[in-house]
Amino acid sequence: MTSIYQRALGPEFGRLHPQIQRRFGFSSEDGCAAIGRGVMDRVWHGLPYTLPFLYVGTWRRIMFPQHGRNVPFSIHNYAYRDRFGRETVTWNRDFAAPLRRRFDATMIYSEQRGRIVDYLGTHQHLAVDIGLSVDERGGMHVRSAAQRFYEGPLAFDFPMLLSGDADVHEWFDDETNDFRISVRVTNPVWGPLFGYEGRFRVDWISCSDVPSDMRPRREERRE
């Protein structure tokens, strides 16, 4: 089966570094998961007036207000079919210090939208359109776009005044033989909100099912 990222990138997928192709190229039929562990050189947040916004994000494991250096980090990528039959990949990140924080997301390929949709948090309240491209290092460049809020019968375009634009680079460093990542989330009015950068290595494990704590607590049909 073609991975959701291969579908989104098409022929451009072949320009990715081989290790990045492997990271983004597996599907639910491969019976494996990618577990990354490393250290974030820096985890940061914006100016003090952004902190209430970040505290709200902790309720659903979307963002958080902590900051630090040399923060132990892990990322858990499982591919599975959700209850609607959609090919899904988890992006669950753990930050160990100074307080343990988790940032959860699940991605699908939307036939309706012709792109990746990223559901943020434990209850998939926010659905974010994702643009993918290949950068000059053969890394994956991820940019967020339009966002929608779903809860029960509610459904509306989420105002960017209350959210953030994500700019993510992930690439492979041949000299150190590990993955590098840089994440920056900004708001068009409030400025920089949150981000981190560092490195990690990946273990590939056999996986016949996804641990329950890696799945969202609620799955949203609307894309």
Protein backbone atom coordinates (compact mmCIF):
# COMPACT_ATOMS: atom_id res chain seq x y z
CA MET A 1 0.00 0.00 0.00
CA THR A 2 1.19 3.53 -0.79
CA SER A 3 1.66 5.68 2.31
CA ILE A 4 -0.45 8.78 2.80
CA TYR A 5 2.67 10.94 2.29
CA GLN A 6 3.55 9.25 -0.99
CA ARG A 7 0.03 9.95 -2.17
CA ALA A 8 0.28 13.60 -1.15
CA LEU A 9 3.72 14.22 -2.67
CA GLY A 10 3.43 12.04 -5.77
CA PRO A 11 6.69 11.84 -7.79
CA GLU A 12 8.33 14.39 -5.45
CA PHE A 13 8.46 11.68 -2.78
CA GLY A 14 11.45 10.18 -4.63
CA ARG A 15 13.49 13.33 -3.96
CA LEU A 16 13.43 12.72 -0.21
CA HIS A 17 16.50 11.32 1.54
CA PRO A 18 16.19 7.50 1.73
CA GLN A 19 15.86 7.60 5.52
CA ILE A 20 13.12 10.22 5.27
CA GLN A 21 11.41 8.11 2.63
CA ARG A 22 11.41 5.23 5.09
CA ARG A 23 10.07 7.44 7.90
CA PHE A 24 7.19 8.67 5.79
CA GLY A 25 6.75 5.65 3.55
CA PHE A 26 5.21 2.94 5.73
CA SER A 27 1.54 2.06 6.01
CA SER A 28 -0.82 -0.03 8.12
CA GLU A 29 -0.04 -3.07 5.99
CA ASP A 30 3.68 -3.06 6.89
CA GLY A 31 3.21 -4.30 10.47
CA CYS A 32 5.73 -1.90 11.97
CA ALA A 33 6.01 1.35 13.91
CA ALA A 34 8.71 4.01 14.14
CA ILE A 35 9.69 5.06 17.67
CA GLY A 36 12.07 8.00 17.81
CA ARG A 37 14.06 8.99 20.90
CA GLY A 38 16.45 11.86 21.32
CA VAL A 39 16.95 15.31 22.79
CA MET A 40 15.51 18.66 21.87
CA ASP A 41 18.26 21.23 22.10
CA ARG A 42 15.66 23.86 22.80
CA VAL A 43 11.94 23.98 23.60
CA TRP A 44 10.54 27.50 23.68
CA HIS A 45 7.36 29.53 23.94
CA GLY A 46 6.38 33.07 23.02
CA LEU A 47 6.03 36.21 25.10
CA PRO A 48 4.08 36.08 28.40
CA TYR A 49 0.79 37.14 26.80
CA THR A 50 0.80 33.88 24.76
CA LEU A 51 0.86 31.66 27.87
CA PRO A 52 -2.92 31.47 28.48
CA PHE A 53 -3.37 30.27 24.91
CA LEU A 54 -0.72 27.58 25.42
CA TYR A 55 -2.21 26.47 28.74
CA VAL A 56 -5.54 25.86 27.01
CA GLY A 57 -3.68 23.62 24.54
CA THR A 58 -2.53 21.32 27.34
CA TRP A 59 -6.14 20.17 27.94
CA ARG A 60 -6.16 18.29 24.65
CA ARG A 61 -2.41 17.67 24.17
CA ILE A 62 -2.03 20.25 21.43
CA MET A 63 0.54 22.75 22.74
CA PHE A 64 2.04 23.62 26.12
CA PRO A 65 3.80 26.54 27.85
CA GLN A 66 7.00 24.86 29.07
CA HIS A 67 10.49 25.74 27.87
CA GLY A 68 13.95 24.31 28.40
CA ARG A 69 17.18 23.05 26.88
CA ASN A 70 18.40 19.49 26.33
CA VAL A 71 14.89 18.14 26.88
CA PRO A 72 14.48 14.34 26.47
CA PHE A 73 12.08 13.65 23.64
CA SER A 74 10.26 10.76 22.00
CA ILE A 75 7.97 10.50 19.00
CA HIS A 76 5.64 7.58 18.23
CA ASN A 77 4.49 6.90 14.68
CA TYR A 78 1.97 4.10 14.20
CA ALA A 79 0.06 3.47 10.97
CA TYR A 80 -3.43 1.96 11.20
CA ARG A 81 -6.95 2.12 9.79
CA ASP A 82 -9.29 4.25 11.89
CA ARG A 83 -12.91 3.29 12.56
CA PHE A 84 -13.94 5.00 9.33
CA GLY A 85 -11.48 2.88 7.33
CA ARG A 86 -9.07 5.75 6.68
CA GLU A 87 -5.32 5.14 6.57
CA THR A 88 -4.01 7.03 9.62
CA VAL A 89 -0.57 7.82 11.09
CA THR A 90 -0.01 8.92 14.69
CA TRP A 91 2.39 11.74 15.57
CA ASN A 92 2.54 11.57 19.37
CA ARG A 93 5.41 13.48 20.93
CA ASP A 94 6.59 13.31 24.54
CA PHE A 95 8.71 16.01 26.20
CA ALA A 96 10.15 14.94 29.55
CA ALA A 97 11.16 18.15 31.31
CA PRO A 98 10.55 20.23 33.32
CA LEU A 99 7.05 18.70 33.40
CA ARG A 100 6.12 15.76 31.20
CA ARG A 101 4.07 17.08 28.29
CA ARG A 102 2.59 15.31 25.30
CA PHE A 103 1.62 16.70 21.92
CA ASP A 104 -0.69 14.36 19.96
CA ALA A 105 -1.80 14.39 16.34
CA THR A 106 -3.13 11.94 13.76
CA MET A 107 -2.86 12.41 10.02
CA ILE A 108 -4.94 11.07 7.16
CA TYR A 109 -4.99 11.61 3.41
CA SER A 110 -8.27 13.32 2.51
CA GLU A 111 -9.70 12.27 -0.84
CA GLN A 112 -12.14 15.15 -0.56
CA ARG A 113 -9.42 17.76 -0.14
CA GLY A 114 -6.64 16.04 -2.07
CA ARG A 115 -4.13 16.58 0.73
CA ILE A 116 -3.05 15.52 4.19
CA VAL A 117 -5.37 16.54 7.03
CA ASP A 118 -3.84 16.67 10.51
CA TYR A 119 -6.19 16.14 13.47
CA LEU A 120 -4.71 17.80 16.54
CA GLY A 121 -5.13 16.64 20.11
CA THR A 122 -6.77 13.76 21.89
CA HIS A 123 -10.28 14.35 20.55
CA GLN A 124 -9.54 15.47 16.98
CA HIS A 125 -11.27 18.81 17.60
CA LEU A 126 -9.03 20.65 15.13
CA ALA A 127 -8.59 19.48 11.54
CA VAL A 128 -5.72 21.25 9.80
CA ASP A 129 -4.92 21.19 6.09
CA ILE A 130 -1.27 20.30 5.53
CA GLY A 131 1.02 21.22 2.66
CA LEU A 132 4.09 19.05 1.99
CA SER A 133 7.24 19.76 0.00
CA VAL A 134 10.83 18.52 -0.23
CA ASP A 135 13.53 20.89 0.98
CA GLU A 136 17.10 21.31 -0.29
CA ARG A 137 18.44 18.64 2.14
CA GLY A 138 15.99 16.00 0.97
CA GLY A 139 13.98 16.65 4.11
CA MET A 140 10.24 16.93 4.57
CA HIS A 141 8.86 20.45 4.85
CA VAL A 142 5.40 20.64 6.44
CA ARG A 143 3.26 23.79 6.47
CA SER A 144 -0.16 24.14 8.04
CA ALA A 145 -3.01 25.93 6.28
CA ALA A 146 -6.77 26.24 6.89
CA GLN A 147 -8.13 24.90 10.16
CA ARG A 148 -11.60 23.67 11.12
CA PHE A 149 -13.14 23.02 14.55
CA TYR A 150 -15.44 20.04 15.11
CA GLU A 151 -17.31 19.15 18.28
CA GLY A 152 -20.65 17.35 18.26
CA PRO A 153 -22.92 19.20 15.81
CA LEU A 154 -20.58 22.22 15.75
CA ALA A 155 -18.40 22.76 12.70
CA PHE A 156 -16.75 26.02 11.70
CA ASP A 157 -13.58 27.44 10.21
CA PHE A 158 -11.27 28.12 13.13
CA PRO A 159 -10.12 31.78 13.24
CA MET A 160 -6.36 32.11 12.83
CA LEU A 161 -6.40 34.88 15.42
CA LEU A 162 -6.90 32.11 17.99
CA SER A 163 -4.58 29.54 16.43
CA GLY A 164 -1.12 29.18 14.94
CA ASP A 165 0.66 28.47 11.67
CA ALA A 166 3.10 25.55 11.91
CA ASP A 167 6.33 25.41 9.92
CA VAL A 168 8.11 22.06 10.33
CA HIS A 169 11.33 20.71 8.83
CA GLU A 170 12.47 17.12 9.35
CA TRP A 171 15.63 15.86 7.68
CA PHE A 172 18.36 13.24 8.06
CA ASP A 173 21.90 14.20 9.09
CA ASP A 174 24.36 11.82 7.38
CA GLU A 175 27.27 13.04 9.50
CA THR A 176 25.66 12.20 12.84
CA ASN A 177 23.40 9.43 11.50
CA ASP A 178 20.27 10.79 13.12
CA PHE A 179 17.12 12.72 12.32
CA ARG A 180 16.86 16.46 12.87
CA ILE A 181 13.67 18.40 13.44
CA SER A 182 12.74 22.06 13.70
CA VAL A 183 9.21 23.20 14.58
CA ARG A 184 8.00 26.78 14.75
CA VAL A 185 4.39 27.82 15.44
CA THR A 186 3.45 31.47 14.96
CA ASN A 187 0.32 33.60 15.01
CA PRO A 188 -0.16 36.40 12.44
CA VAL A 189 -1.03 38.88 15.20
CA TRP A 190 0.61 37.57 18.39
CA GLY A 191 3.88 36.43 16.80
CA PRO A 192 5.90 33.34 17.81
CA LEU A 193 3.91 30.95 20.03
CA PHE A 194 5.80 27.71 20.48
CA GLY A 195 8.53 25.56 18.99
CA TYR A 196 11.40 23.15 19.41
CA GLU A 197 14.47 21.87 17.61
CA GLY A 198 16.76 18.91 18.17
CA ARG A 199 17.63 15.42 17.04
CA PHE A 200 16.54 11.81 17.50
CA ARG A 201 17.15 8.26 16.30
CA VAL A 202 14.47 5.81 15.26
CA ASP A 203 13.84 2.20 16.27
CA TRP A 204 11.61 0.17 13.98
CA ILE A 205 9.45 -2.28 15.90
CA SER A 206 7.08 -5.01 14.81
CA CYS A 207 3.50 -3.97 15.44
CA SER A 208 0.28 -5.88 14.84
CA ASP A 209 -1.92 -3.36 16.66
CA VAL A 210 -1.69 0.20 17.94
CA PRO A 211 -1.52 0.67 21.73
CA SER A 212 -4.75 2.21 23.00
CA ASP A 213 -2.95 5.21 24.54
CA MET A 214 -1.54 6.06 21.12
CA ARG A 215 -4.97 6.39 19.51
CA PRO A 216 -7.15 9.49 19.88
CA ARG A 217 -9.94 9.21 22.43
CA ARG A 218 -12.45 10.35 19.83
CA GLU A 219 -12.29 10.06 16.04
CA GLU A 220 -13.83 12.69 13.80
CA ARG A 221 -15.39 11.74 10.45
CA ARG A 222 -15.47 15.27 9.07
CA GLU A 223 -12.32 16.34 7.25
